[in-house]
Amino acid sequence: MIIDDEEDCCLLMSTFFQRKNYEVFVANTLLEGIALLNDHEPDFVFLDNNLPDGLGWLYATQITGQFPHTKVHLISAYNNDYIELVPHEAFSIWEKPISMSKLEDFLNNGKTEAA
């Protein structure tokens, strides 16, 4: 699942994962993303911080609490986007732009390595 308001980023990432035979769900707001999470319970989520309806990263702990098997990849174009999070093995932080090679490495490393 991708929760990001940047349509180009969503298109790039969703196309990449679909070509690898993953089922991909995309939301452009927190409200849409939370609804999709409840409907689909994905294995991993790419969660942007600056969304039109709030700071996505603030929901990371809620997501991992409600869906313990879901790995949350926090993404942001701003490297100074620091929100204090409770350390959690289900979080990783990725800086935009996200390259195809980083996504390929992600899949090849068992979906656990940060980019």
PDB file of N, CA and C in Angstrom:
ATOM      1  N   MET A   1       0.834  -1.171   0.000  1.00  0.00           N
ATOM      2  CA  MET A   1       0.000   0.000   0.000  1.00  0.00           C
ATOM      3  C   MET A   1       0.880   1.235   0.000  1.00  0.00           C
ATOM      4  N   ILE A   2       0.437   2.241  -0.725  1.00  0.00           N
ATOM      5  CA  ILE A   2       1.141   3.514  -0.800  1.00  0.00           C
ATOM      6  C   ILE A   2       0.166   4.606  -0.359  1.00  0.00           C
ATOM      7  N   ILE A   3       0.561   5.374   0.646  1.00  0.00           N
ATOM      8  CA  ILE A   3      -0.244   6.512   1.094  1.00  0.00           C
ATOM      9  C   ILE A   3       0.610   7.755   0.890  1.00  0.00           C
ATOM     10  N   ASP A   4       0.321   8.472  -0.172  1.00  0.00           N
ATOM     11  CA  ASP A   4       1.133   9.627  -0.566  1.00  0.00           C
ATOM     12  C   ASP A   4       0.284  10.526  -1.457  1.00  0.00           C
ATOM     13  N   ASP A   5       0.408  11.836  -1.289  1.00  0.00           N
ATOM     14  CA  ASP A   5      -0.364  12.758  -2.113  1.00  0.00           C
ATOM     15  C   ASP A   5       0.342  13.134  -3.414  1.00  0.00           C
ATOM     16  N   GLU A   6       1.566  12.698  -3.601  1.00  0.00           N
ATOM     17  CA  GLU A   6       2.276  12.973  -4.853  1.00  0.00           C
ATOM     18  C   GLU A   6       1.920  11.884  -5.864  1.00  0.00           C
ATOM     19  N   GLU A   7       1.087  12.244  -6.828  1.00  0.00           N
ATOM     20  CA  GLU A   7       0.585  11.264  -7.776  1.00  0.00           C
ATOM     21  C   GLU A   7       1.694  10.605  -8.594  1.00  0.00           C
ATOM     22  N   ASP A   8       2.733  11.356  -8.963  1.00  0.00           N
ATOM     23  CA  ASP A   8       3.835  10.775  -9.734  1.00  0.00           C
ATOM     24  C   ASP A   8       4.561   9.701  -8.937  1.00  0.00           C
ATOM     25  N   CYS A   9       4.796   9.964  -7.678  1.00  0.00           N
ATOM     26  CA  CYS A   9       5.449   8.989  -6.804  1.00  0.00           C
ATOM     27  C   CYS A   9       4.590   7.733  -6.683  1.00  0.00           C
ATOM     28  N   CYS A  10       3.297   7.909  -6.494  1.00  0.00           N
ATOM     29  CA  CYS A  10       2.383   6.768  -6.379  1.00  0.00           C
ATOM     30  C   CYS A  10       2.369   5.957  -7.662  1.00  0.00           C
ATOM     31  N   LEU A  11       2.330   6.635  -8.794  1.00  0.00           N
ATOM     32  CA  LEU A  11       2.305   5.941 -10.084  1.00  0.00           C
ATOM     33  C   LEU A  11       3.588   5.152 -10.300  1.00  0.00           C
ATOM     34  N   LEU A  12       4.714   5.767 -10.013  1.00  0.00           N
ATOM     35  CA  LEU A  12       6.009   5.111 -10.177  1.00  0.00           C
ATOM     36  C   LEU A  12       6.105   3.857  -9.303  1.00  0.00           C
ATOM     37  N   MET A  13       5.777   4.005  -8.036  1.00  0.00           N
ATOM     38  CA  MET A  13       5.887   2.880  -7.110  1.00  0.00           C
ATOM     39  C   MET A  13       4.851   1.799  -7.404  1.00  0.00           C
ATOM     40  N   SER A  14       3.632   2.188  -7.677  1.00  0.00           N
ATOM     41  CA  SER A  14       2.598   1.178  -7.930  1.00  0.00           C
ATOM     42  C   SER A  14       2.890   0.411  -9.209  1.00  0.00           C
ATOM     43  N   THR A  15       3.360   1.083 -10.238  1.00  0.00           N
ATOM     44  CA  THR A  15       3.720   0.402 -11.484  1.00  0.00           C
ATOM     45  C   THR A  15       4.849  -0.591 -11.239  1.00  0.00           C
ATOM     46  N   PHE A  16       5.849  -0.174 -10.467  1.00  0.00           N
ATOM     47  CA  PHE A  16       6.968  -1.065 -10.148  1.00  0.00           C
ATOM     48  C   PHE A  16       6.465  -2.342  -9.466  1.00  0.00           C
ATOM     49  N   PHE A  17       5.666  -2.187  -8.424  1.00  0.00           N
ATOM     50  CA  PHE A  17       5.200  -3.345  -7.672  1.00  0.00           C
ATOM     51  C   PHE A  17       4.216  -4.208  -8.474  1.00  0.00           C
ATOM     52  N   GLN A  18       3.366  -3.589  -9.274  1.00  0.00           N
ATOM     53  CA  GLN A  18       2.439  -4.360 -10.104  1.00  0.00           C
ATOM     54  C   GLN A  18       3.191  -5.215 -11.114  1.00  0.00           C
ATOM     55  N   ARG A  19       4.265  -4.690 -11.670  1.00  0.00           N
ATOM     56  CA  ARG A  19       5.084  -5.468 -12.611  1.00  0.00           C
ATOM     57  C   ARG A  19       5.759  -6.651 -11.928  1.00  0.00           C
ATOM     58  N   LYS A  20       5.885  -6.586 -10.608  1.00  0.00           N
ATOM     59  CA  LYS A  20       6.461  -7.685  -9.824  1.00  0.00           C
ATOM     60  C   LYS A  20       5.356  -8.585  -9.270  1.00  0.00           C
ATOM     61  N   ASN A  21       4.150  -8.402  -9.774  1.00  0.00           N
ATOM     62  CA  ASN A  21       2.974  -9.205  -9.400  1.00  0.00           C
ATOM     63  C   ASN A  21       2.477  -8.976  -7.975  1.00  0.00           C
ATOM     64  N   TYR A  22       2.663  -7.768  -7.463  1.00  0.00           N
ATOM     65  CA  TYR A  22       2.098  -7.406  -6.164  1.00  0.00           C
ATOM     66  C   TYR A  22       0.758  -6.722  -6.390  1.00  0.00           C
ATOM     67  N   GLU A  23      -0.159  -6.955  -5.480  1.00  0.00           N
ATOM     68  CA  GLU A  23      -1.408  -6.216  -5.491  1.00  0.00           C
ATOM     69  C   GLU A  23      -1.136  -4.897  -4.764  1.00  0.00           C
ATOM     70  N   VAL A  24      -1.441  -3.787  -5.408  1.00  0.00           N
ATOM     71  CA  VAL A  24      -1.094  -2.467  -4.870  1.00  0.00           C
ATOM     72  C   VAL A  24      -2.360  -1.648  -4.643  1.00  0.00           C
ATOM     73  N   PHE A  25      -2.397  -0.995  -3.487  1.00  0.00           N
ATOM     74  CA  PHE A  25      -3.483  -0.085  -3.157  1.00  0.00           C
ATOM     75  C   PHE A  25      -2.866   1.288  -2.925  1.00  0.00           C
ATOM     76  N   VAL A  26      -3.505   2.321  -3.465  1.00  0.00           N
ATOM     77  CA  VAL A  26      -2.971   3.678  -3.367  1.00  0.00           C
ATOM     78  C   VAL A  26      -4.019   4.595  -2.760  1.00  0.00           C
ATOM     79  N   ALA A  27      -3.563   5.429  -1.812  1.00  0.00           N
ATOM     80  CA  ALA A  27      -4.407   6.457  -1.211  1.00  0.00           C
ATOM     81  C   ALA A  27      -3.632   7.767  -1.237  1.00  0.00           C
ATOM     82  N   ASN A  28      -4.349   8.859  -1.436  1.00  0.00           N
ATOM     83  CA  ASN A  28      -3.700  10.169  -1.490  1.00  0.00           C
ATOM     84  C   ASN A  28      -3.934  11.013  -0.251  1.00  0.00           C
ATOM     85  N   THR A  29      -4.689  10.475   0.705  1.00  0.00           N
ATOM     86  CA  THR A  29      -4.919  11.166   1.978  1.00  0.00           C
ATOM     87  C   THR A  29      -4.886  10.135   3.108  1.00  0.00           C
ATOM     88  N   LEU A  30      -4.735  10.615   4.323  1.00  0.00           N
ATOM     89  CA  LEU A  30      -4.785   9.725   5.492  1.00  0.00           C
ATOM     90  C   LEU A  30      -6.130   9.026   5.605  1.00  0.00           C
ATOM     91  N   LEU A  31      -7.196   9.772   5.400  1.00  0.00           N
ATOM     92  CA  LEU A  31      -8.539   9.208   5.519  1.00  0.00           C
ATOM     93  C   LEU A  31      -8.718   8.041   4.547  1.00  0.00           C
ATOM     94  N   GLU A  32      -8.314   8.240   3.290  1.00  0.00           N
ATOM     95  CA  GLU A  32      -8.394   7.155   2.301  1.00  0.00           C
ATOM     96  C   GLU A  32      -7.493   5.985   2.703  1.00  0.00           C
ATOM     97  N   GLY A  33      -6.304   6.304   3.171  1.00  0.00           N
ATOM     98  CA  GLY A  33      -5.344   5.273   3.542  1.00  0.00           C
ATOM     99  C   GLY A  33      -5.817   4.414   4.696  1.00  0.00           C
ATOM    100  N   ILE A  34      -6.378   5.025   5.722  1.00  0.00           N
ATOM    101  CA  ILE A  34      -6.875   4.277   6.875  1.00  0.00           C
ATOM    102  C   ILE A  34      -8.016   3.351   6.439  1.00  0.00           C
ATOM    103  N   ALA A  35      -8.889   3.842   5.563  1.00  0.00           N
ATOM    104  CA  ALA A  35      -9.985   3.005   5.065  1.00  0.00           C
ATOM    105  C   ALA A  35      -9.440   1.806   4.293  1.00  0.00           C
ATOM    106  N   LEU A  36      -8.444   2.038   3.440  1.00  0.00           N
ATOM    107  CA  LEU A  36      -7.847   0.937   2.675  1.00  0.00           C
ATOM    108  C   LEU A  36      -7.136  -0.050   3.587  1.00  0.00           C
ATOM    109  N   LEU A  37      -6.448   0.458   4.606  1.00  0.00           N
ATOM    110  CA  LEU A  37      -5.782  -0.434   5.559  1.00  0.00           C
ATOM    111  C   LEU A  37      -6.788  -1.388   6.197  1.00  0.00           C
ATOM    112  N   ASN A  38      -7.900  -0.851   6.618  1.00  0.00           N
ATOM    113  CA  ASN A  38      -8.923  -1.676   7.264  1.00  0.00           C
ATOM    114  C   ASN A  38      -9.509  -2.709   6.309  1.00  0.00           C
ATOM    115  N   ASP A  39      -9.589  -2.364   5.034  1.00  0.00           N
ATOM    116  CA  ASP A  39     -10.161  -3.279   4.042  1.00  0.00           C
ATOM    117  C   ASP A  39      -9.183  -4.351   3.580  1.00  0.00           C
ATOM    118  N   HIS A  40      -7.880  -4.030   3.549  1.00  0.00           N
ATOM    119  CA  HIS A  40      -6.937  -4.925   2.871  1.00  0.00           C
ATOM    120  C   HIS A  40      -5.797  -5.467   3.734  1.00  0.00           C
ATOM    121  N   GLU A  41      -5.497  -4.863   4.865  1.00  0.00           N
ATOM    122  CA  GLU A  41      -4.417  -5.319   5.749  1.00  0.00           C
ATOM    123  C   GLU A  41      -3.155  -5.725   4.977  1.00  0.00           C
ATOM    124  N   PRO A  42      -2.469  -4.760   4.388  1.00  0.00           N
ATOM    125  CA  PRO A  42      -1.306  -5.063   3.544  1.00  0.00           C
ATOM    126  C   PRO A  42      -0.096  -5.550   4.336  1.00  0.00           C
ATOM    127  N   ASP A  43       0.829  -6.185   3.622  1.00  0.00           N
ATOM    128  CA  ASP A  43       2.085  -6.636   4.230  1.00  0.00           C
ATOM    129  C   ASP A  43       3.000  -5.468   4.540  1.00  0.00           C
ATOM    130  N   PHE A  44       2.993  -4.459   3.653  1.00  0.00           N
ATOM    131  CA  PHE A  44       3.801  -3.278   3.914  1.00  0.00           C
ATOM    132  C   PHE A  44       3.114  -2.041   3.376  1.00  0.00           C
ATOM    133  N   VAL A  45       3.451  -0.898   4.023  1.00  0.00           N
ATOM    134  CA  VAL A  45       2.869   0.395   3.691  1.00  0.00           C
ATOM    135  C   VAL A  45       4.005   1.393   3.503  1.00  0.00           C
ATOM    136  N   PHE A  46       3.951   2.145   2.426  1.00  0.00           N
ATOM    137  CA  PHE A  46       4.816   3.304   2.246  1.00  0.00           C
ATOM    138  C   PHE A  46       3.965   4.505   2.622  1.00  0.00           C
ATOM    139  N   LEU A  47       4.327   5.172   3.723  1.00  0.00           N
ATOM    140  CA  LEU A  47       3.510   6.228   4.320  1.00  0.00           C
ATOM    141  C   LEU A  47       4.249   7.560   4.282  1.00  0.00           C
ATOM    142  N   ASP A  48       3.726   8.486   3.497  1.00  0.00           N
ATOM    143  CA  ASP A  48       4.300   9.823   3.422  1.00  0.00           C
ATOM    144  C   ASP A  48       3.961  10.585   4.700  1.00  0.00           C
ATOM    145  N   ASN A  49       4.771  11.581   5.021  1.00  0.00           N
ATOM    146  CA  ASN A  49       4.511  12.368   6.214  1.00  0.00           C
ATOM    147  C   ASN A  49       3.565  13.522   5.925  1.00  0.00           C
ATOM    148  N   ASN A  50       3.903  14.360   4.967  1.00  0.00           N
ATOM    149  CA  ASN A  50       3.112  15.560   4.697  1.00  0.00           C
ATOM    150  C   ASN A  50       1.966  15.250   3.740  1.00  0.00           C
ATOM    151  N   LEU A  51       0.813  14.990   4.327  1.00  0.00           N
ATOM    152  CA  LEU A  51      -0.382  14.684   3.547  1.00  0.00           C
ATOM    153  C   LEU A  51      -1.390  15.811   3.714  1.00  0.00           C
ATOM    154  N   PRO A  52      -2.323  15.955   2.786  1.00  0.00           N
ATOM    155  CA  PRO A  52      -3.269  17.079   2.853  1.00  0.00           C
ATOM    156  C   PRO A  52      -4.093  17.132   4.135  1.00  0.00           C
ATOM    157  N   ASP A  53      -4.346  15.985   4.737  1.00  0.00           N
ATOM    158  CA  ASP A  53      -5.186  15.960   5.931  1.00  0.00           C
ATOM    159  C   ASP A  53      -4.438  15.607   7.210  1.00  0.00           C
ATOM    160  N   GLY A  54      -3.104  15.770   7.193  1.00  0.00           N
ATOM    161  CA  GLY A  54      -2.353  15.549   8.420  1.00  0.00           C
ATOM    162  C   GLY A  54      -0.977  14.975   8.195  1.00  0.00           C
ATOM    163  N   LEU A  55      -0.289  14.705   9.305  1.00  0.00           N
ATOM    164  CA  LEU A  55       1.053  14.137   9.265  1.00  0.00           C
ATOM    165  C   LEU A  55       0.952  12.619   9.349  1.00  0.00           C
ATOM    166  N   GLY A  56       1.285  11.974   8.255  1.00  0.00           N
ATOM    167  CA  GLY A  56       1.155  10.532   8.164  1.00  0.00           C
ATOM    168  C   GLY A  56       1.960   9.777   9.195  1.00  0.00           C
ATOM    169  N   TRP A  57       3.149  10.255   9.484  1.00  0.00           N
ATOM    170  CA  TRP A  57       4.032   9.530  10.399  1.00  0.00           C
ATOM    171  C   TRP A  57       3.438   9.391  11.793  1.00  0.00           C
ATOM    172  N   LEU A  58       2.551  10.298  12.153  1.00  0.00           N
ATOM    173  CA  LEU A  58       1.924  10.217  13.467  1.00  0.00           C
ATOM    174  C   LEU A  58       1.018   8.989  13.585  1.00  0.00           C
ATOM    175  N   TYR A  59       0.678   8.385  12.465  1.00  0.00           N
ATOM    176  CA  TYR A  59      -0.189   7.209  12.455  1.00  0.00           C
ATOM    177  C   TYR A  59       0.583   5.897  12.394  1.00  0.00           C
ATOM    178  N   ALA A  60       1.903   5.965  12.317  1.00  0.00           N
ATOM    179  CA  ALA A  60       2.718   4.761  12.172  1.00  0.00           C
ATOM    180  C   ALA A  60       2.526   3.798  13.331  1.00  0.00           C
ATOM    181  N   THR A  61       2.541   4.302  14.546  1.00  0.00           N
ATOM    182  CA  THR A  61       2.373   3.445  15.715  1.00  0.00           C
ATOM    183  C   THR A  61       0.973   2.834  15.744  1.00  0.00           C
ATOM    184  N   GLN A  62      -0.031   3.607  15.375  1.00  0.00           N
ATOM    185  CA  GLN A  62      -1.396   3.094  15.310  1.00  0.00           C
ATOM    186  C   GLN A  62      -1.498   1.965  14.286  1.00  0.00           C
ATOM    187  N   ILE A  63      -0.871   2.142  13.128  1.00  0.00           N
ATOM    188  CA  ILE A  63      -0.921   1.124  12.071  1.00  0.00           C
ATOM    189  C   ILE A  63      -0.277  -0.172  12.545  1.00  0.00           C
ATOM    190  N   THR A  64       0.916  -0.074  13.129  1.00  0.00           N
ATOM    191  CA  THR A  64       1.595  -1.299  13.574  1.00  0.00           C
ATOM    192  C   THR A  64       0.888  -1.934  14.767  1.00  0.00           C
ATOM    193  N   GLY A  65       0.206  -1.123  15.570  1.00  0.00           N
ATOM    194  CA  GLY A  65      -0.567  -1.684  16.674  1.00  0.00           C
ATOM    195  C   GLY A  65      -1.784  -2.448  16.185  1.00  0.00           C
ATOM    196  N   GLN A  66      -2.459  -1.892  15.200  1.00  0.00           N
ATOM    197  CA  GLN A  66      -3.664  -2.521  14.675  1.00  0.00           C
ATOM    198  C   GLN A  66      -3.342  -3.665  13.714  1.00  0.00           C
ATOM    199  N   PHE A  67      -2.217  -3.537  12.986  1.00  0.00           N
ATOM    200  CA  PHE A  67      -1.818  -4.542  12.001  1.00  0.00           C
ATOM    201  C   PHE A  67      -0.370  -4.950  12.278  1.00  0.00           C
ATOM    202  N   PRO A  68      -0.137  -5.804  13.269  1.00  0.00           N
ATOM    203  CA  PRO A  68       1.228  -6.120  13.714  1.00  0.00           C
ATOM    204  C   PRO A  68       2.121  -6.751  12.642  1.00  0.00           C
ATOM    205  N   HIS A  69       1.552  -7.365  11.634  1.00  0.00           N
ATOM    206  CA  HIS A  69       2.368  -7.982  10.585  1.00  0.00           C
ATOM    207  C   HIS A  69       2.758  -6.984   9.491  1.00  0.00           C
ATOM    208  N   THR A  70       2.229  -5.761   9.552  1.00  0.00           N
ATOM    209  CA  THR A  70       2.486  -4.752   8.519  1.00  0.00           C
ATOM    210  C   THR A  70       3.767  -3.981   8.819  1.00  0.00           C
ATOM    211  N   LYS A  71       4.666  -3.944   7.868  1.00  0.00           N
ATOM    212  CA  LYS A  71       5.902  -3.165   7.961  1.00  0.00           C
ATOM    213  C   LYS A  71       5.615  -1.776   7.389  1.00  0.00           C
ATOM    214  N   VAL A  72       5.942  -0.730   8.140  1.00  0.00           N
ATOM    215  CA  VAL A  72       5.648   0.637   7.720  1.00  0.00           C
ATOM    216  C   VAL A  72       6.941   1.323   7.295  1.00  0.00           C
ATOM    217  N   HIS A  73       6.957   1.782   6.058  1.00  0.00           N
ATOM    218  CA  HIS A  73       8.095   2.518   5.511  1.00  0.00           C
ATOM    219  C   HIS A  73       7.693   3.988   5.442  1.00  0.00           C
ATOM    220  N   LEU A  74       8.287   4.770   6.314  1.00  0.00           N
ATOM    221  CA  LEU A  74       7.984   6.195   6.407  1.00  0.00           C
ATOM    222  C   LEU A  74       8.775   6.915   5.325  1.00  0.00           C
ATOM    223  N   ILE A  75       8.078   7.660   4.464  1.00  0.00           N
ATOM    224  CA  ILE A  75       8.757   8.339   3.367  1.00  0.00           C
ATOM    225  C   ILE A  75       8.504   9.837   3.437  1.00  0.00           C
ATOM    226  N   SER A  76       9.512  10.598   3.003  1.00  0.00           N
ATOM    227  CA  SER A  76       9.377  12.049   2.976  1.00  0.00           C
ATOM    228  C   SER A  76      10.433  12.655   2.073  1.00  0.00           C
ATOM    229  N   ALA A  77      10.072  13.747   1.441  1.00  0.00           N
ATOM    230  CA  ALA A  77      11.016  14.486   0.602  1.00  0.00           C
ATOM    231  C   ALA A  77      11.867  15.428   1.441  1.00  0.00           C
ATOM    232  N   TYR A  78      11.508  15.598   2.683  1.00  0.00           N
ATOM    233  CA  TYR A  78      12.205  16.536   3.553  1.00  0.00           C
ATOM    234  C   TYR A  78      13.003  15.770   4.591  1.00  0.00           C
ATOM    235  N   ASN A  79      14.333  15.848   4.491  1.00  0.00           N
ATOM    236  CA  ASN A  79      15.151  15.091   5.434  1.00  0.00           C
ATOM    237  C   ASN A  79      15.108  15.679   6.837  1.00  0.00           C
ATOM    238  N   ASN A  80      14.518  16.853   7.010  1.00  0.00           N
ATOM    239  CA  ASN A  80      14.370  17.425   8.340  1.00  0.00           C
ATOM    240  C   ASN A  80      12.974  17.165   8.913  1.00  0.00           C
ATOM    241  N   ASP A  81      12.234  16.264   8.297  1.00  0.00           N
ATOM    242  CA  ASP A  81      10.901  15.883   8.734  1.00  0.00           C
ATOM    243  C   ASP A  81      11.016  14.954   9.926  1.00  0.00           C
ATOM    244  N   TYR A  82      11.365  15.458  11.057  1.00  0.00           N
ATOM    245  CA  TYR A  82      11.572  14.594  12.208  1.00  0.00           C
ATOM    246  C   TYR A  82      10.352  14.644  13.111  1.00  0.00           C
ATOM    247  N   ILE A  83       9.788  13.510  13.307  1.00  0.00           N
ATOM    248  CA  ILE A  83       8.720  13.358  14.285  1.00  0.00           C
ATOM    249  C   ILE A  83       9.187  12.282  15.236  1.00  0.00           C
ATOM    250  N   GLU A  84       9.107  12.546  16.508  1.00  0.00           N
ATOM    251  CA  GLU A  84       9.581  11.558  17.472  1.00  0.00           C
ATOM    252  C   GLU A  84       8.633  10.366  17.495  1.00  0.00           C
ATOM    253  N   LEU A  85       9.172   9.222  17.135  1.00  0.00           N
ATOM    254  CA  LEU A  85       8.404   7.991  17.108  1.00  0.00           C
ATOM    255  C   LEU A  85       8.950   7.034  18.153  1.00  0.00           C
ATOM    256  N   VAL A  86       8.081   6.248  18.708  1.00  0.00           N
ATOM    257  CA  VAL A  86       8.532   5.183  19.584  1.00  0.00           C
ATOM    258  C   VAL A  86       9.295   4.201  18.702  1.00  0.00           C
ATOM    259  N   PRO A  87      10.554   3.870  19.042  1.00  0.00           N
ATOM    260  CA  PRO A  87      11.308   2.934  18.206  1.00  0.00           C
ATOM    261  C   PRO A  87      10.527   1.633  18.021  1.00  0.00           C
ATOM    262  N   HIS A  88      10.517   1.168  16.805  1.00  0.00           N
ATOM    263  CA  HIS A  88       9.738  -0.024  16.496  1.00  0.00           C
ATOM    264  C   HIS A  88      10.396  -0.751  15.340  1.00  0.00           C
ATOM    265  N   GLU A  89      10.519  -2.055  15.442  1.00  0.00           N
ATOM    266  CA  GLU A  89      11.160  -2.832  14.379  1.00  0.00           C
ATOM    267  C   GLU A  89      10.358  -2.810  13.095  1.00  0.00           C
ATOM    268  N   ALA A  90       9.090  -2.396  13.137  1.00  0.00           N
ATOM    269  CA  ALA A  90       8.262  -2.365  11.941  1.00  0.00           C
ATOM    270  C   ALA A  90       8.372  -1.056  11.173  1.00  0.00           C
ATOM    271  N   PHE A  91       9.220  -0.123  11.624  1.00  0.00           N
ATOM    272  CA  PHE A  91       9.391   1.157  10.929  1.00  0.00           C
ATOM    273  C   PHE A  91      10.730   1.205  10.208  1.00  0.00           C
ATOM    274  N   SER A  92      10.739   1.857   9.072  1.00  0.00           N
ATOM    275  CA  SER A  92      11.984   2.274   8.442  1.00  0.00           C
ATOM    276  C   SER A  92      11.711   3.623   7.787  1.00  0.00           C
ATOM    277  N   ILE A  93      12.758   4.416   7.595  1.00  0.00           N
ATOM    278  CA  ILE A  93      12.596   5.746   7.016  1.00  0.00           C
ATOM    279  C   ILE A  93      13.297   5.792   5.669  1.00  0.00           C
ATOM    280  N   TRP A  94      12.575   6.254   4.662  1.00  0.00           N
ATOM    281  CA  TRP A  94      13.086   6.396   3.297  1.00  0.00           C
ATOM    282  C   TRP A  94      13.000   7.868   2.901  1.00  0.00           C
ATOM    283  N   GLU A  95      14.026   8.347   2.266  1.00  0.00           N
ATOM    284  CA  GLU A  95      14.030   9.720   1.780  1.00  0.00           C
ATOM    285  C   GLU A  95      13.693   9.728   0.289  1.00  0.00           C
ATOM    286  N   LYS A  96      12.807  10.632  -0.103  1.00  0.00           N
ATOM    287  CA  LYS A  96      12.455  10.791  -1.511  1.00  0.00           C
ATOM    288  C   LYS A  96      13.548  11.601  -2.204  1.00  0.00           C
ATOM    289  N   PRO A  97      13.744  11.433  -3.474  1.00  0.00           N
ATOM    290  CA  PRO A  97      13.007  10.542  -4.367  1.00  0.00           C
ATOM    291  C   PRO A  97      13.447   9.097  -4.177  1.00  0.00           C
ATOM    292  N   ILE A  98      12.509   8.207  -4.372  1.00  0.00           N
ATOM    293  CA  ILE A  98      12.777   6.776  -4.244  1.00  0.00           C
ATOM    294  C   ILE A  98      13.073   6.228  -5.629  1.00  0.00           C
ATOM    295  N   SER A  99      14.230   5.621  -5.769  1.00  0.00           N
ATOM    296  CA  SER A  99      14.649   5.106  -7.079  1.00  0.00           C
ATOM    297  C   SER A  99      14.183   3.674  -7.276  1.00  0.00           C
ATOM    298  N   MET A 100      14.157   3.262  -8.527  1.00  0.00           N
ATOM    299  CA  MET A 100      13.804   1.882  -8.851  1.00  0.00           C
ATOM    300  C   MET A 100      14.816   0.912  -8.241  1.00  0.00           C
ATOM    301  N   SER A 101      16.072   1.310  -8.202  1.00  0.00           N
ATOM    302  CA  SER A 101      17.080   0.412  -7.633  1.00  0.00           C
ATOM    303  C   SER A 101      16.853   0.223  -6.129  1.00  0.00           C
ATOM    304  N   LYS A 102      16.403   1.262  -5.429  1.00  0.00           N
ATOM    305  CA  LYS A 102      16.092   1.119  -4.001  1.00  0.00           C
ATOM    306  C   LYS A 102      14.901   0.194  -3.789  1.00  0.00           C
ATOM    307  N   LEU A 103      13.911   0.304  -4.657  1.00  0.00           N
ATOM    308  CA  LEU A 103      12.759  -0.588  -4.554  1.00  0.00           C
ATOM    309  C   LEU A 103      13.157  -2.028  -4.870  1.00  0.00           C
ATOM    310  N   GLU A 104      14.013  -2.202  -5.854  1.00  0.00           N
ATOM    311  CA  GLU A 104      14.493  -3.546  -6.198  1.00  0.00           C
ATOM    312  C   GLU A 104      15.274  -4.143  -5.032  1.00  0.00           C
ATOM    313  N   ASP A 105      16.144  -3.336  -4.416  1.00  0.00           N
ATOM    314  CA  ASP A 105      16.886  -3.800  -3.241  1.00  0.00           C
ATOM    315  C   ASP A 105      15.934  -4.187  -2.109  1.00  0.00           C
ATOM    316  N   PHE A 106      14.901  -3.387  -1.935  1.00  0.00           N
ATOM    317  CA  PHE A 106      13.889  -3.655  -0.915  1.00  0.00           C
ATOM    318  C   PHE A 106      13.285  -5.049  -1.108  1.00  0.00           C
ATOM    319  N   LEU A 107      12.903  -5.372  -2.338  1.00  0.00           N
ATOM    320  CA  LEU A 107      12.312  -6.681  -2.611  1.00  0.00           C
ATOM    321  C   LEU A 107      13.338  -7.797  -2.468  1.00  0.00           C
ATOM    322  N   ASN A 108      14.554  -7.550  -2.902  1.00  0.00           N
ATOM    323  CA  ASN A 108      15.591  -8.589  -2.859  1.00  0.00           C
ATOM    324  C   ASN A 108      16.082  -8.865  -1.438  1.00  0.00           C
ATOM    325  N   ASN A 109      15.907  -7.919  -0.534  1.00  0.00           N
ATOM    326  CA  ASN A 109      16.378  -8.075   0.842  1.00  0.00           C
ATOM    327  C   ASN A 109      15.259  -8.462   1.794  1.00  0.00           C
ATOM    328  N   GLY A 110      14.264  -9.135   1.282  1.00  0.00           N
ATOM    329  CA  GLY A 110      13.206  -9.650   2.152  1.00  0.00           C
ATOM    330  C   GLY A 110      12.281  -8.583   2.697  1.00  0.00           C
ATOM    331  N   LYS A 111      12.210  -7.429   2.041  1.00  0.00           N
ATOM    332  CA  LYS A 111      11.306  -6.364   2.409  1.00  0.00           C
ATOM    333  C   LYS A 111      11.547  -5.834   3.816  1.00  0.00           C
ATOM    334  N   THR A 112      12.771  -5.947   4.312  1.00  0.00           N
ATOM    335  CA  THR A 112      13.028  -5.460   5.672  1.00  0.00           C
ATOM    336  C   THR A 112      14.076  -4.355   5.723  1.00  0.00           C
ATOM    337  N   GLU A 113      14.804  -4.150   4.672  1.00  0.00           N
ATOM    338  CA  GLU A 113      15.879  -3.170   4.697  1.00  0.00           C
ATOM    339  C   GLU A 113      15.360  -1.787   4.335  1.00  0.00           C
ATOM    340  N   ALA A 114      15.854  -0.772   5.011  1.00  0.00           N
ATOM    341  CA  ALA A 114      15.524   0.604   4.656  1.00  0.00           C
ATOM    342  C   ALA A 114      16.325   1.000   3.436  1.00  0.00           C
ATOM    343  N   ALA A 115      15.785   1.941   2.710  1.00  0.00           N
ATOM    344  CA  ALA A 115      16.481   2.409   1.505  1.00  0.00           C
ATOM    345  C   ALA A 115      17.529   3.416   1.860  1.00  0.00           C
TER     346      ALA A 115
END
